[in-house]
Amino acid sequence: MSVLARIPLLWKVLLAPTVSAVCFLGFLAYAMYVFGQNNLRMEGLRDVTFPALEVATENVGLLDRLTETLHNAVASGEPALIDDSEALAEQTRANWSRLAQLDGAYAQQASGLRRNFDAYYEAASEVSQAMVAGRAPAGGAIERMAERLDSYRDGLNAFRADTHDSFTSEVEHSTAASNRARAVGVLIAVISLAVSLLIGFAVALAVKRNVDQVVGSLRDIAQGEGDLRQRIRVTSQDEIGTLAYWFNIFVEKLHLDIQKLLQSVRALSKTSRDMSAIVANTDRAIAEEKRVIAQVAEQAAGLGEQVNQIASSPPRLRRRPAMLPVRPTRVWPILEVP
């Protein structure tokens, strides 16, 4: 998990398909190698082993026909059959020459088998011609012929068996390599699938855990009183961790700005309370002024009424102003009220 926490989110997403691609490329390289080796084996079988097996099989048949022809020539006394055996011998020699030209590995064996064949045919031809002509073969000629025939036949059969075994072995190796490549392909596919699923699950779990932490921190900040002092815990170095880091920076700056705003609001609230107190005092002073003015107006009205009464009284009363009640003396002190 600690390793995944340091990997960027893009590479986390591409990690599982990358592992699958690497496994596929590895299997593809191995399969190409196996198929290349099989192709080389098939080319060897086509160009060397199968022609060599074909030559050996054909020469086995030619030997049987040659011995039968010489036997018939001796039994029937027909010299023409000896000429037919010569054609079979030339075909056998041509086969061994063709085999020597196929591949250097068979050149020495082909030359040795051809020498053995020539030795046998020379002895067989002398014995057959003598017997067809009615002469007895030289002493020990028949034994030499039989010995050389056994030597050539054993070498030919051994060469054919070795060639057949080589052909069969190459086919089995090709089949085994193909089966092994198929088994390796299945194994790599299973391993690739298991590793991809494991990495995918680990990546998804890591991303989900980081996202859940961010969402949980945002929910805690958004719910309740919205405490901006809380911070998102940064647990990874990928894009989600970068998002959480810069979000914490943003919240920190927002917290500082809101603190400054709250300080300004508190100062403004205090100023507003002071202004409200001043306005209340002013209102009380104005109300007091209105009350005093009303009293002055009332006293002025009373004074005007007394003046009117004096003006309308008899002359004798005008000469005795001292008898009027001295009320104006009470007005001026009232008018002097601040």
Foldseek 3Di string as FASTA:
>chain_A
DQVLLADALVCLVCVLVVLVVVLVVVLVVLVVVLVVVLVVLVVCCVQALVLLLVLLVVVVVLLVVLVVLLVVCLVVLDVVSLVVSVVSLVVNLVSLVVNLVRDVVCVVLSVVLNVLSVQLNVLSSQCSVCSSVVHHGPPCSVVSNVVSSVVSSVSSVVSSVVSVVSSVVSVVVSVVSVVVSVVSVVVSVVVSVVVSVVSNVVSVVVVVVLVVQVVVQVVVLPPDPNPLVDARDQDGDYPSSVVRVVVNVVSVVVVVVVVVVVVVVVVVVVVVVVVVVVVVVVVVVVVVVVVLVVVLVVVVVVVVVVVVVLVPDDPVVVVCVVVDDPPVVVNVVSVPDD
